[in-house]
Each structure stands twice: as C-alpha cells, then as structure tokens.
C-alpha cells in the first residue's frame, strides 16, 4: 500500500523546456548548435560590457594591424579593434533577426492559419503576394526594395520581413489544412467550439514545433541578407558595425591585410553552423514520433 507521503516523494515529470534542452544536449549536433548560438546571443546581450575597446574609436597608429596581444583579431583600415566591432555587430545582426523573423512569423503564421482554416479570399490574396515575392531572386528583390526606399537597418529589416512572410504563410496554411481534418478538431467543432477557439487552442499549438525548426533554419538566410546588402553598400550606414560591413572592408583591403576578411567571415560561419545544427537537432527533438502525439 502506497502512503500519501510516498506518493508525494515520487519524482515529478520535468518541464517541457528542460526535457527539450536535455534532448538537444544529448546529440552532437545539438551541443554544437547550442554552443554557437549561445555564444552569439551572449555577445549580442552583453555587447558594451565585454568589448575591449570602443568599436568606433579610430587609432591610426595600429591601422591594418595584424592580430596581437593588444588587438586579438587585429585592427581595420582606421585602426578600429576588429573584435570589438564583431561583438558590436552581433547586437545589430541579432536585432534584425529578432525583429524581422518575429514580425514575419506573426504575420505569415496568422494569415496561414486563417487561410488554411477556410477563409479563401484572404488565402487567395496572400498566395498572390507570395508568388510575386518568391518569383524574384532574393538579392535582386532586396536591392530593388533598397533602391526604392533607401538604405539603413530599417530597410534591411523590412526586406527580411517581406521575404520570410511567404515562407511561414505557406507552411502554416498547408499544415492547417491537414490539422483541421484531424479527429480532435472535428470533435471540438461538433461540441460547438468557435472557429477562433479551434484555431487558437487546437491548431496553433500543433504548429509551434515545426515553425520553431523553420525559424532556426531561416536565421542564416537573414544573416546572409544583411551581410549581402551591407557588402554592397545598401545596408547599415557607417560607422555602424555589422558583419556585412566588416566583410566589405576586408575585401577592400584584402591585399594589404587579408586577416580582416578572414576575421569578418568568422562570425557568419559560426552563426550559420550554429543555427543550422540547432535546427536539425530541434527537428529531431520536436518530432512527435519521438516525443508524443499532437496536443489537443
């Protein structure tokens, strides 16, 4: 016979987030992805607290200096510390990622669920918008928008939003079409649940896992958009440091100081590897066949 005291001593199930973190850390891809992503996020959050020098401070005495004990990653053509500019650039790039992906996800996912649930007019309008955006090459579309409204971080963020909305719209709409035919949605509708309640309580929760994986996989694309526009001079305005502007400076002085281009490409490489591996690990960890069935 089990007493109440013994029953209280039984271990409680771990929270879902802790279980997910354990699953991620249990795979090699998850460990690499989490380590890289946490490094980038820490640099973005701690920015001004950990930079060894002012990112915009000019010191011509160390112009194009190679890596040394004083400047671990060297200095650029104006004598600015490259490590400080990379750390400061992580704040700018991650800001674009958070705002751009967040807004695109909210708009695309909401429109996709509504269109997939049965609102055909909205679905037709968004489908037309998606076809127009996706018919253009990414960088050509980005340059066209930048030439129309000007350069700057706001322009880069807007381009990210416009480019990613079709991706999230199509995925969420297609999955909603499948989910609305499921038994638990049919039962909820038979019990008198409103369309809004069905979408919020039964469809959206079952989309979260797939959308999280998709977001992680899209972060390198966002970084590539920023880097490409800044490299072409259509992104952030000087003296603001971004990874793309550092890469542009490195290419301009690649003969005199090749270390600048190598150093500038390092954070882009780390971010691409980190978010790609994290997305792969998340896909495996959030697979309902591995964890559990749909939530309803």
Protein backbone atom coordinates (compact mmCIF):
# COMPACT_ATOMS: atom_id res chain seq x y z
CA UNK A 1 0.00 0.00 0.00
CA UNK A 2 1.40 3.39 -1.02
CA UNK A 3 1.04 6.13 1.57
CA UNK A 4 0.36 9.77 0.80
CA UNK A 5 3.91 10.56 1.89
CA UNK A 6 5.37 8.03 -0.57
CA UNK A 7 3.13 9.42 -3.30
CA UNK A 8 4.43 12.93 -2.66
CA UNK A 9 8.02 11.69 -2.94
CA UNK A 10 7.52 10.37 -6.47
CA UNK A 11 9.54 12.43 -8.99
CA UNK A 12 7.51 14.92 -10.95
CA UNK A 13 7.85 14.99 -14.73
CA UNK A 14 10.43 17.51 -15.93
CA UNK A 15 9.13 20.70 -17.59
CA UNK A 16 8.91 20.50 -21.36
CA UNK A 17 11.66 23.09 -21.86
CA UNK A 18 14.11 21.15 -19.66
CA UNK A 19 13.27 17.94 -21.49
CA UNK A 20 13.88 19.68 -24.80
CA UNK A 21 17.23 21.06 -23.62
CA UNK A 22 18.30 17.61 -22.45
CA UNK A 23 17.37 16.15 -25.82
CA UNK A 24 19.30 18.87 -27.63
CA UNK A 25 22.38 18.45 -25.47
CA UNK A 26 22.22 14.70 -25.92
CA UNK A 27 23.18 14.91 -29.59
CA UNK A 28 26.43 16.13 -31.10
CA UNK A 29 24.62 18.48 -33.49
CA UNK A 30 22.58 19.90 -30.62
CA UNK A 31 25.67 20.56 -28.49
CA UNK A 32 27.48 22.31 -31.34
CA UNK A 33 24.40 24.30 -32.30
CA UNK A 34 23.56 25.38 -28.77
CA UNK A 35 27.17 26.36 -28.04
CA UNK A 36 27.48 28.52 -31.15
CA UNK A 37 24.07 30.13 -30.72
CA UNK A 38 24.61 30.85 -27.02
CA UNK A 39 27.97 32.44 -27.83
CA UNK A 40 26.38 34.76 -30.39
CA UNK A 41 23.43 35.61 -28.15
CA UNK A 42 25.76 36.31 -25.21
CA UNK A 43 27.82 38.70 -27.36
CA UNK A 44 24.64 40.47 -28.51
CA UNK A 45 23.23 40.83 -24.98
CA UNK A 46 26.46 41.74 -23.17
CA UNK A 47 27.85 43.86 -26.03
CA UNK A 48 29.05 47.04 -24.25
CA UNK A 49 30.13 45.10 -21.15
CA UNK A 50 32.59 42.79 -22.87
CA UNK A 51 34.03 44.82 -25.77
CA UNK A 52 37.71 45.55 -25.08
CA UNK A 53 37.63 48.88 -26.97
CA UNK A 54 35.14 51.38 -28.32
CA UNK A 55 34.02 49.78 -31.62
CA UNK A 56 34.15 53.15 -33.42
CA UNK A 57 37.35 54.54 -31.83
CA UNK A 58 39.92 55.41 -34.50
CA UNK A 59 43.63 54.80 -33.86
CA UNK A 60 45.74 55.30 -36.98
CA UNK A 61 48.83 54.05 -35.16
CA UNK A 62 47.52 50.47 -35.43
CA UNK A 63 45.95 50.81 -38.87
CA UNK A 64 45.64 47.37 -40.55
CA UNK A 65 47.46 45.80 -37.60
CA UNK A 66 47.63 42.02 -37.54
CA UNK A 67 46.25 40.04 -34.57
CA UNK A 68 48.31 40.59 -31.42
CA UNK A 69 48.01 40.52 -27.64
CA UNK A 70 46.70 44.09 -27.72
CA UNK A 71 44.22 43.53 -30.54
CA UNK A 72 43.35 39.83 -30.53
CA UNK A 73 41.78 39.87 -34.01
CA UNK A 74 43.72 42.83 -35.38
CA UNK A 75 42.54 46.27 -36.49
CA UNK A 76 40.84 47.58 -39.63
CA UNK A 77 41.85 50.34 -42.06
CA UNK A 78 41.05 53.05 -39.49
CA UNK A 79 42.68 51.31 -36.56
CA UNK A 80 39.40 50.16 -35.01
CA UNK A 81 39.56 46.96 -32.98
CA UNK A 82 38.03 44.12 -35.01
CA UNK A 83 37.00 42.01 -32.02
CA UNK A 84 35.05 44.95 -30.58
CA UNK A 85 33.36 45.60 -33.93
CA UNK A 86 32.42 41.94 -34.35
CA UNK A 87 30.84 41.86 -30.88
CA UNK A 88 29.04 45.13 -31.53
CA UNK A 89 27.93 43.83 -34.91
CA UNK A 90 26.37 40.77 -33.27
CA UNK A 91 23.98 43.10 -31.43
CA UNK A 92 22.93 44.74 -34.70
CA UNK A 93 22.57 41.49 -36.63
CA UNK A 94 20.65 39.71 -33.87
CA UNK A 95 18.35 42.73 -33.59
CA UNK A 96 17.50 42.37 -37.28
CA UNK A 97 16.96 38.63 -36.79
CA UNK A 98 14.63 39.04 -33.80
CA UNK A 99 12.52 41.85 -35.25
CA UNK A 100 12.49 40.64 -38.86
CA UNK A 101 11.80 36.97 -38.17
CA UNK A 102 9.39 37.77 -35.31
CA UNK A 103 7.19 40.08 -37.37
CA UNK A 104 7.30 37.81 -40.43
CA UNK A 105 6.40 34.79 -38.31
CA UNK A 106 3.47 36.56 -36.64
CA UNK A 107 2.01 37.82 -39.92
CA UNK A 108 2.70 34.75 -42.02
CA UNK A 109 1.55 32.26 -39.40
CA UNK A 110 -1.65 34.16 -38.56
CA UNK A 111 -2.56 34.59 -42.22
CA UNK A 112 -1.70 30.96 -42.98
CA UNK A 113 -3.87 29.56 -40.19
CA UNK A 114 -6.81 31.78 -41.15
CA UNK A 115 -6.47 30.97 -44.86
CA UNK A 116 -5.98 27.26 -44.25
CA UNK A 117 -8.98 27.04 -41.95
CA UNK A 118 -11.33 28.14 -44.71
CA UNK A 119 -11.09 31.88 -45.40
CA UNK A 120 -10.42 31.55 -49.10
CA UNK A 121 -10.39 35.25 -50.00
CA UNK A 122 -7.54 36.01 -47.62
CA UNK A 123 -5.76 32.89 -48.78
CA UNK A 124 -6.00 33.93 -52.43
CA UNK A 125 -4.67 37.44 -51.71
CA UNK A 126 -1.73 36.16 -49.67
CA UNK A 127 -1.00 33.41 -52.18
CA UNK A 128 -0.72 36.04 -54.93
CA UNK A 129 1.59 38.13 -52.72
CA UNK A 130 3.74 35.08 -52.00
CA UNK A 131 4.00 34.17 -55.68
CA UNK A 132 5.18 37.68 -56.56
CA UNK A 133 7.81 37.78 -53.79
CA UNK A 134 9.12 34.26 -54.38
CA UNK A 135 9.33 34.71 -58.14
CA UNK A 136 12.23 37.16 -57.67
CA UNK A 137 15.76 36.13 -56.69
CA UNK A 138 16.38 37.04 -53.06
CA UNK A 139 19.20 39.54 -53.59
CA UNK A 140 17.55 41.11 -56.64
CA UNK A 141 14.40 41.66 -54.60
CA UNK A 142 16.45 43.11 -51.72
CA UNK A 143 18.29 45.54 -53.98
CA UNK A 144 15.04 46.63 -55.62
CA UNK A 145 13.47 47.46 -52.24
CA UNK A 146 16.64 49.22 -51.04
CA UNK A 147 16.77 51.36 -54.18
CA UNK A 148 13.13 52.38 -53.70
CA UNK A 149 13.13 53.35 -50.01
CA UNK A 150 16.81 53.95 -49.28
CA UNK A 151 19.42 52.20 -47.18
CA UNK A 152 19.61 51.56 -43.44
CA UNK A 153 18.76 48.98 -40.80
CA UNK A 154 15.05 49.66 -41.20
CA UNK A 155 15.27 48.77 -44.89
CA UNK A 156 17.16 45.54 -44.17
CA UNK A 157 14.57 44.55 -41.55
CA UNK A 158 11.70 45.29 -43.93
CA UNK A 159 13.31 43.18 -46.65
CA UNK A 160 13.68 40.28 -44.20
CA UNK A 161 10.01 40.58 -43.21
CA UNK A 162 8.75 40.70 -46.80
CA UNK A 163 10.95 37.80 -47.88
CA UNK A 164 10.03 35.48 -45.00
CA UNK A 165 6.27 36.08 -44.79
CA UNK A 166 5.59 33.81 -47.82
CA UNK A 167 7.64 31.01 -46.28
CA UNK A 168 5.73 31.00 -42.98
CA UNK A 169 2.40 31.58 -44.70
CA UNK A 170 2.70 28.57 -46.98
CA UNK A 171 3.89 26.19 -44.27
CA UNK A 172 1.24 27.23 -41.74
CA UNK A 173 -1.54 27.19 -44.34
CA UNK A 174 -0.66 23.72 -45.61
CA UNK A 175 -0.38 22.31 -42.08
CA UNK A 176 -3.66 23.94 -41.05
CA UNK A 177 -5.44 22.26 -43.98
CA UNK A 178 -4.17 18.93 -42.68
CA UNK A 179 -4.85 19.61 -38.99
CA UNK A 180 -8.44 20.80 -39.47
CA UNK A 181 -9.31 17.32 -40.75
CA UNK A 182 -8.00 15.65 -37.58
CA UNK A 183 -10.32 13.92 -35.14
CA UNK A 184 -9.79 16.28 -32.21
CA UNK A 185 -10.60 19.34 -34.34
CA UNK A 186 -13.72 17.63 -35.68
CA UNK A 187 -14.76 16.77 -32.12
CA UNK A 188 -14.18 20.35 -30.93
CA UNK A 189 -16.30 21.73 -33.74
CA UNK A 190 -19.04 19.17 -33.03
CA UNK A 191 -19.09 20.36 -29.41
CA UNK A 192 -19.79 23.89 -30.55
CA UNK A 193 -16.30 25.43 -30.37
CA UNK A 194 -15.97 28.62 -32.39
CA UNK A 195 -13.56 28.91 -35.30
CA UNK A 196 -11.36 31.29 -33.29
CA UNK A 197 -11.16 28.84 -30.38
CA UNK A 198 -10.32 25.94 -32.68
CA UNK A 199 -7.54 27.91 -34.35
CA UNK A 200 -6.05 29.17 -31.07
CA UNK A 201 -6.45 26.07 -28.91
CA UNK A 202 -6.15 23.16 -31.32
CA UNK A 203 -4.29 24.24 -34.46
CA UNK A 204 -1.72 26.84 -33.40
CA UNK A 205 -0.17 24.70 -30.61
CA UNK A 206 0.46 21.91 -33.11
CA UNK A 207 2.24 24.30 -35.49
CA UNK A 208 4.69 25.68 -32.95
CA UNK A 209 7.22 22.85 -33.16
CA UNK A 210 7.51 22.96 -36.95
CA UNK A 211 7.70 26.74 -37.01
CA UNK A 212 10.47 26.81 -34.38
CA UNK A 213 12.55 24.46 -36.53
CA UNK A 214 11.84 26.58 -39.60
CA UNK A 215 12.84 29.78 -37.80
CA UNK A 216 16.15 28.28 -36.69
CA UNK A 217 16.87 27.21 -40.26
CA UNK A 218 15.99 30.69 -41.59
CA UNK A 219 18.34 32.65 -39.34
CA UNK A 220 21.39 32.01 -41.61
CA UNK A 221 19.31 33.32 -44.52
CA UNK A 222 18.57 36.53 -42.60
CA UNK A 223 22.25 36.94 -41.74
CA UNK A 224 23.07 36.38 -45.42
CA UNK A 225 20.60 39.10 -46.48
CA UNK A 226 22.14 41.61 -44.05
CA UNK A 227 25.70 40.66 -44.99
CA UNK A 228 24.95 40.84 -48.71
CA UNK A 229 23.26 44.23 -48.54
CA UNK A 230 25.94 45.72 -46.28
CA UNK A 231 28.67 44.29 -48.50
CA UNK A 232 27.09 46.06 -51.48
CA UNK A 233 26.71 49.30 -49.52
CA UNK A 234 22.90 49.05 -49.24
CA UNK A 235 22.73 48.02 -45.59
CA UNK A 236 23.74 49.73 -42.37
CA UNK A 237 25.32 53.16 -42.68
CA UNK A 238 28.87 53.80 -41.41
CA UNK A 239 30.26 53.88 -38.80
CA UNK A 240 27.78 51.28 -37.51
CA UNK A 241 29.43 47.88 -37.42
CA UNK A 242 27.72 44.87 -38.95
CA UNK A 243 29.19 41.59 -40.11
CA UNK A 244 28.49 42.52 -43.73
CA UNK A 245 30.22 45.90 -43.48
CA UNK A 246 33.26 44.24 -41.88
CA UNK A 247 33.38 41.79 -44.77
CA UNK A 248 33.21 44.68 -47.25
CA UNK A 249 36.15 46.41 -45.55
CA UNK A 250 38.10 43.17 -45.54
CA UNK A 251 37.56 42.68 -49.26
CA UNK A 252 38.64 46.26 -49.98
CA UNK A 253 41.97 45.74 -48.16
CA UNK A 254 42.49 42.04 -48.82
CA UNK A 255 45.95 42.57 -50.33
CA UNK A 256 47.29 44.77 -47.52
CA UNK A 257 45.59 42.95 -44.61
CA UNK A 258 43.99 39.60 -45.53
CA UNK A 259 43.25 38.90 -41.86
CA UNK A 260 40.35 41.40 -41.92
CA UNK A 261 38.36 39.35 -44.45
CA UNK A 262 39.11 36.12 -42.60
CA UNK A 263 38.07 37.58 -39.26
CA UNK A 264 34.94 39.19 -40.74
CA UNK A 265 33.77 35.86 -42.16
CA UNK A 266 34.25 34.04 -38.86
CA UNK A 267 31.04 35.17 -37.08
CA UNK A 268 28.96 34.48 -40.19
CA UNK A 269 30.41 30.97 -40.35
CA UNK A 270 29.80 30.34 -36.64
CA UNK A 271 26.21 31.62 -36.87
CA UNK A 272 25.45 29.54 -39.96
CA UNK A 273 26.83 26.36 -38.40
CA UNK A 274 25.19 27.06 -35.04
CA UNK A 275 21.65 27.76 -36.24
CA UNK A 276 21.74 25.03 -38.89
CA UNK A 277 22.85 22.39 -36.40
CA UNK A 278 20.36 23.71 -33.83
CA UNK A 279 17.56 23.47 -36.38
CA UNK A 280 18.50 19.88 -37.21
CA UNK A 281 18.59 18.96 -33.51
CA UNK A 282 15.29 20.72 -32.86
CA UNK A 283 13.66 18.85 -35.72
CA UNK A 284 14.70 15.54 -34.20
CA UNK A 285 13.76 16.58 -30.64
CA UNK A 286 10.35 18.00 -31.59
CA UNK A 287 9.38 15.09 -33.82
CA UNK A 288 6.04 13.90 -32.42
CA UNK A 289 7.05 10.30 -33.18
CA UNK A 290 9.93 10.78 -30.73
CA UNK A 291 8.14 12.77 -28.05
CA UNK A 292 4.38 12.36 -28.15
CA UNK A 293 1.39 12.82 -30.37
CA UNK A 294 -0.42 16.07 -31.23
CA UNK A 295 -1.58 18.29 -28.41
CA UNK A 296 -5.34 18.70 -28.09
